[in-house]
Amino acid sequence: MVNTPPTISGTPAGSVIAGSGYSFQPGASDADNDALTFSVSNKPGWASLNSTTGRLNGTPELTGCHTYLVISVSDGTDTVSLPPFSV
């Protein structure tokens, strides 16, 4: 059987005020009903990612820009990603 890659969607907010909470929840699905696992590259130290739901959240303490964050989802065979973004 040929695997169908998962899909991922959503547009994360590109800014947050220092000391305020940030949260982004991507949408994802898999036509084969495979279990999905999320990951993020270039994650800021103040943020955490739930590998089961894909929710990225946290509270930045300082101002600044974190660039080229990439949230991905895998079905164990194929991985797809949102476009890179900055916060």
N, C-alpha and C. Protein backbone atom coordinates (compact mmCIF):
# COMPACT_ATOMS: atom_id res chain seq x y z
N MET A 1 0.83 -1.18 0.00
CA MET A 1 0.00 0.00 0.00
C MET A 1 0.88 1.24 0.00
N VAL A 2 0.55 2.22 -0.79
CA VAL A 2 1.30 3.46 -0.89
C VAL A 2 0.83 4.42 0.20
N ASN A 3 1.78 5.02 0.91
CA ASN A 3 1.45 5.98 1.95
C ASN A 3 1.07 7.33 1.35
N THR A 4 0.03 7.93 1.90
CA THR A 4 -0.33 9.30 1.56
C THR A 4 0.27 10.21 2.61
N PRO A 5 1.08 11.22 2.23
CA PRO A 5 1.68 12.12 3.22
C PRO A 5 0.61 12.86 4.03
N PRO A 6 0.92 13.22 5.26
CA PRO A 6 -0.02 14.03 6.04
C PRO A 6 -0.11 15.44 5.47
N THR A 7 -1.07 16.20 5.95
CA THR A 7 -1.18 17.61 5.58
C THR A 7 -1.06 18.44 6.86
N ILE A 8 -0.58 19.68 6.69
CA ILE A 8 -0.47 20.62 7.80
C ILE A 8 -0.89 21.98 7.29
N SER A 9 -1.57 22.75 8.14
CA SER A 9 -2.04 24.07 7.72
C SER A 9 -2.05 25.03 8.90
N GLY A 10 -2.15 26.30 8.57
CA GLY A 10 -2.24 27.34 9.59
C GLY A 10 -1.22 28.43 9.33
N THR A 11 -1.50 29.59 9.90
CA THR A 11 -0.60 30.74 9.78
C THR A 11 -0.29 31.27 11.18
N PRO A 12 0.91 31.01 11.68
CA PRO A 12 1.26 31.48 13.02
C PRO A 12 1.38 33.00 13.08
N ALA A 13 1.03 33.56 14.22
CA ALA A 13 1.23 35.00 14.44
C ALA A 13 2.72 35.29 14.39
N GLY A 14 3.09 36.42 13.80
CA GLY A 14 4.48 36.78 13.66
C GLY A 14 5.01 37.68 14.75
N SER A 15 4.18 38.00 15.74
CA SER A 15 4.66 38.87 16.82
C SER A 15 3.93 38.55 18.12
N VAL A 16 4.58 38.90 19.20
CA VAL A 16 4.02 38.77 20.54
C VAL A 16 4.72 39.80 21.41
N ILE A 17 4.01 40.37 22.35
CA ILE A 17 4.59 41.34 23.28
C ILE A 17 5.32 40.58 24.38
N ALA A 18 6.56 41.00 24.67
CA ALA A 18 7.33 40.36 25.74
C ALA A 18 6.51 40.34 27.02
N GLY A 19 6.47 39.20 27.68
CA GLY A 19 5.70 39.03 28.90
C GLY A 19 4.28 38.56 28.66
N SER A 20 3.84 38.52 27.41
CA SER A 20 2.51 38.03 27.07
C SER A 20 2.62 36.62 26.50
N GLY A 21 1.57 35.87 26.62
CA GLY A 21 1.57 34.50 26.13
C GLY A 21 1.44 34.42 24.62
N TYR A 22 2.13 33.46 24.04
CA TYR A 22 2.06 33.18 22.61
C TYR A 22 1.55 31.76 22.45
N SER A 23 0.66 31.54 21.49
CA SER A 23 0.16 30.20 21.24
C SER A 23 -0.23 30.07 19.77
N PHE A 24 0.14 28.94 19.19
CA PHE A 24 -0.27 28.63 17.82
C PHE A 24 -0.56 27.15 17.73
N GLN A 25 -1.70 26.82 17.12
CA GLN A 25 -2.12 25.44 16.93
C GLN A 25 -2.29 25.17 15.44
N PRO A 26 -1.38 24.41 14.81
CA PRO A 26 -1.57 24.08 13.40
C PRO A 26 -2.67 23.03 13.24
N GLY A 27 -3.25 23.01 12.07
CA GLY A 27 -4.17 21.94 11.72
C GLY A 27 -3.38 20.86 10.99
N ALA A 28 -3.72 19.61 11.21
CA ALA A 28 -3.03 18.51 10.53
C ALA A 28 -3.96 17.32 10.42
N SER A 29 -3.77 16.56 9.35
CA SER A 29 -4.55 15.34 9.18
C SER A 29 -3.75 14.35 8.34
N ASP A 30 -4.21 13.11 8.35
CA ASP A 30 -3.56 12.07 7.57
C ASP A 30 -4.64 11.17 6.96
N ALA A 31 -4.66 11.08 5.64
CA ALA A 31 -5.68 10.30 4.92
C ALA A 31 -5.62 8.81 5.27
N ASP A 32 -4.46 8.33 5.69
CA ASP A 32 -4.30 6.92 6.05
C ASP A 32 -4.60 6.65 7.52
N ASN A 33 -4.96 7.72 8.27
CA ASN A 33 -5.22 7.63 9.71
C ASN A 33 -4.01 7.16 10.50
N ASP A 34 -2.80 7.48 10.00
CA ASP A 34 -1.58 7.18 10.75
C ASP A 34 -1.47 8.14 11.93
N ALA A 35 -0.82 7.71 13.00
CA ALA A 35 -0.54 8.58 14.13
C ALA A 35 0.41 9.68 13.66
N LEU A 36 0.16 10.91 14.11
CA LEU A 36 0.97 12.05 13.71
C LEU A 36 1.86 12.51 14.86
N THR A 37 3.08 12.92 14.53
CA THR A 37 4.02 13.46 15.50
C THR A 37 4.54 14.80 14.98
N PHE A 38 4.47 15.82 15.82
CA PHE A 38 4.90 17.17 15.45
C PHE A 38 6.30 17.44 15.98
N SER A 39 7.00 18.33 15.28
CA SER A 39 8.31 18.80 15.72
C SER A 39 8.47 20.25 15.27
N VAL A 40 9.45 20.93 15.85
CA VAL A 40 9.74 22.31 15.44
C VAL A 40 11.25 22.49 15.42
N SER A 41 11.74 23.19 14.41
CA SER A 41 13.16 23.51 14.37
C SER A 41 13.33 24.99 14.67
N ASN A 42 14.47 25.33 15.27
CA ASN A 42 14.80 26.71 15.66
C ASN A 42 13.85 27.27 16.70
N LYS A 43 13.34 26.41 17.58
CA LYS A 43 12.41 26.82 18.63
C LYS A 43 13.10 27.75 19.63
N PRO A 44 12.47 28.90 19.94
CA PRO A 44 13.02 29.78 20.97
C PRO A 44 13.03 29.07 22.32
N GLY A 45 13.95 29.46 23.19
CA GLY A 45 14.05 28.86 24.51
C GLY A 45 12.82 29.04 25.37
N TRP A 46 12.05 30.08 25.13
CA TRP A 46 10.86 30.34 25.94
C TRP A 46 9.65 29.54 25.48
N ALA A 47 9.74 28.84 24.38
CA ALA A 47 8.59 28.15 23.81
C ALA A 47 8.69 26.64 24.02
N SER A 48 7.52 26.00 24.01
CA SER A 48 7.48 24.54 24.04
C SER A 48 6.50 24.07 22.97
N LEU A 49 6.72 22.86 22.49
CA LEU A 49 5.86 22.28 21.46
C LEU A 49 5.33 20.95 21.97
N ASN A 50 4.02 20.77 21.88
CA ASN A 50 3.41 19.50 22.21
C ASN A 50 3.53 18.60 20.98
N SER A 51 4.30 17.52 21.08
CA SER A 51 4.56 16.68 19.92
C SER A 51 3.34 15.88 19.46
N THR A 52 2.31 15.82 20.29
CA THR A 52 1.08 15.11 19.92
C THR A 52 0.07 16.01 19.24
N THR A 53 -0.07 17.25 19.74
CA THR A 53 -1.08 18.18 19.20
C THR A 53 -0.50 19.20 18.25
N GLY A 54 0.81 19.47 18.36
CA GLY A 54 1.45 20.49 17.53
C GLY A 54 1.37 21.88 18.10
N ARG A 55 0.75 22.06 19.28
CA ARG A 55 0.61 23.40 19.85
C ARG A 55 1.97 23.94 20.30
N LEU A 56 2.31 25.12 19.78
CA LEU A 56 3.52 25.85 20.17
C LEU A 56 3.07 26.97 21.08
N ASN A 57 3.61 27.02 22.30
CA ASN A 57 3.22 28.11 23.20
C ASN A 57 4.34 28.44 24.17
N GLY A 58 4.18 29.60 24.79
CA GLY A 58 5.15 30.07 25.77
C GLY A 58 5.03 31.56 25.95
N THR A 59 5.88 32.10 26.82
CA THR A 59 5.87 33.53 27.12
C THR A 59 7.29 34.07 27.00
N PRO A 60 7.54 34.89 25.97
CA PRO A 60 8.88 35.48 25.84
C PRO A 60 9.11 36.52 26.93
N GLU A 61 10.28 36.51 27.51
CA GLU A 61 10.62 37.46 28.57
C GLU A 61 11.28 38.72 28.03
N LEU A 62 11.95 38.61 26.89
CA LEU A 62 12.69 39.73 26.33
C LEU A 62 12.21 40.02 24.92
N THR A 63 12.48 41.23 24.46
CA THR A 63 12.17 41.55 23.08
C THR A 63 13.26 40.98 22.18
N GLY A 64 12.94 40.81 20.94
CA GLY A 64 13.88 40.26 19.97
C GLY A 64 13.12 39.45 18.96
N CYS A 65 13.84 38.94 17.99
CA CYS A 65 13.21 38.19 16.92
C CYS A 65 13.83 36.80 16.83
N HIS A 66 12.98 35.81 16.73
CA HIS A 66 13.40 34.44 16.52
C HIS A 66 12.99 34.08 15.10
N THR A 67 13.96 33.73 14.28
CA THR A 67 13.69 33.55 12.86
C THR A 67 13.77 32.09 12.44
N TYR A 68 13.16 31.83 11.32
CA TYR A 68 13.19 30.57 10.61
C TYR A 68 12.71 29.39 11.47
N LEU A 69 11.61 29.61 12.21
CA LEU A 69 10.97 28.50 12.91
C LEU A 69 10.21 27.68 11.87
N VAL A 70 10.27 26.36 11.99
CA VAL A 70 9.57 25.49 11.05
C VAL A 70 8.86 24.39 11.86
N ILE A 71 7.53 24.37 11.77
CA ILE A 71 6.75 23.32 12.42
C ILE A 71 6.47 22.24 11.37
N SER A 72 6.75 21.00 11.74
CA SER A 72 6.57 19.86 10.83
C SER A 72 5.68 18.81 11.48
N VAL A 73 5.08 17.98 10.63
CA VAL A 73 4.31 16.84 11.12
C VAL A 73 4.72 15.62 10.31
N SER A 74 4.80 14.48 11.00
CA SER A 74 5.21 13.24 10.36
C SER A 74 4.19 12.15 10.66
N ASP A 75 3.97 11.29 9.68
CA ASP A 75 3.12 10.12 9.88
C ASP A 75 3.97 8.86 10.06
N GLY A 76 5.25 9.02 10.29
CA GLY A 76 6.17 7.90 10.46
C GLY A 76 6.85 7.50 9.16
N THR A 77 6.32 7.95 8.03
CA THR A 77 6.90 7.67 6.73
C THR A 77 7.27 8.97 6.02
N ASP A 78 6.34 9.90 5.98
CA ASP A 78 6.55 11.19 5.31
C ASP A 78 6.42 12.32 6.31
N THR A 79 7.15 13.41 6.03
CA THR A 79 7.09 14.61 6.87
C THR A 79 6.79 15.80 5.98
N VAL A 80 5.87 16.65 6.43
CA VAL A 80 5.55 17.89 5.73
C VAL A 80 5.66 19.04 6.73
N SER A 81 5.90 20.24 6.20
CA SER A 81 6.16 21.39 7.08
C SER A 81 5.38 22.62 6.62
N LEU A 82 5.12 23.49 7.60
CA LEU A 82 4.61 24.82 7.29
C LEU A 82 5.77 25.64 6.75
N PRO A 83 5.49 26.72 6.03
CA PRO A 83 6.58 27.61 5.62
C PRO A 83 7.29 28.19 6.84
N PRO A 84 8.58 28.49 6.74
CA PRO A 84 9.31 29.11 7.85
C PRO A 84 8.64 30.42 8.27
N PHE A 85 8.71 30.71 9.58
CA PHE A 85 8.15 31.95 10.10
C PHE A 85 9.03 32.50 11.21
N SER A 86 8.78 33.75 11.56
CA SER A 86 9.53 34.43 12.62
C SER A 86 8.54 34.91 13.68
N VAL A 87 9.02 35.02 14.91
CA VAL A 87 8.22 35.56 16.01
C VAL A 87 9.07 36.62 16.68
